[in-house]
Amino acid sequence: EYAFMGALIIQEVIKELVGKGLGTAKVLLLAGSSAGGTGVLLNVDRVAEQLEEMGYQGIQVRGLADSGWFLDNKQYRRTDCIDTITCAPTEAIRRGIRYWNGIVPERCKLQFKEGEEWNCFFGYKIYPTLRCPVFVVQWLFDEAQLTVDNVHLTGQPVQEGQWLYIQNLGRELRNTLKDVTASFAPACLSHEIITRNHWTDIQVKGTSLPRALHCWDRSLHESNKNGKAPLKGCPIHLIDSCPWPHCNPSCPTIRDQFTGQEMNVIQFLMHMGFDVQKMAQQQGLEPSKLLGMLSSGN
């Protein structure tokens, strides 16, 4: 007997903000983290339509979706859907949308059969249908994603099967972002970025998130003016290409979830079941050389 009214609340907030100065704005940025990031993807076009209907065609509506780009992938270990933690992402959304009476954008809804609207809760499926520009911020190894996929990184070192699964998750996620115009995806194990105090420190290929957002803003201003290609030296499509968690040296500090102690990259990789000898052999390197490269982030 709960009422879920997220979309209606956003509508009312917009109405109220119009009288408080939003009416004279040039840009409205709708931002959210985790489930709120998914909420941005689901509501950004609706907010734009609402403002147009209210006569505010001059406001450009944009989205910033942080850590809400989930995959409907196969779980590492399948479990029955008893509660929110054990439920696979697809099954949770498929059941949940009925309870929430979830509203999904019409353009996305039309891509799927009746009863399959739950697909629109997954970023890579809804993104191609969006009209508004959206910047996607997503850790390649998202802790919330790993939790729903039943990969638990507490206490014992990770088994080889889990290690391969985690690396594959990064590859899958990277693939879904390749056609996303504006994105920032560091190869770190974490969850949420824009709500954290270290959000300005993380870099992908030498570019920080504030810089990437600035470039995105400029590119949208420029394209409005003359439809030019992205600005030189101002990248907006930033995805780490290194293959395992925390291979990016600017990743936030890792703590052992069991003891709370900080770990350096090498301790973390060992904990994750990373076999230095074997990996060095595969790369044709001395183990000490590989360890040096790992600690410097190369």
Foldseek 3Di string as FASTA:
>chain_A
DDAQQVLVVVLVVLVVVCVVPPLVAQEDELEDFALSLLVCLFRQQVSQVSCVVVPSPRYAYEYERFQQQADQDAALDQDDCPDPQRARPLRCLLVVCVVNVDDGDPQLVVVDDPSNSSVSSHCLSSVVSDDHQYAYEHELQEQSNNRNSVDDLADAAADPSSQVVSLVSSVVVVVSLPPRQAYAYHNAYYGGQPVDPLQQQDDFPPHGPVQLVVQVVVQVVVCVVPNDDRDPPRGGRGHHDDGHHCLAVSYDWDARPHPRHTDQQVRVCVSNVNDLVVVCVVVVHDSVVVVVCSNVSD
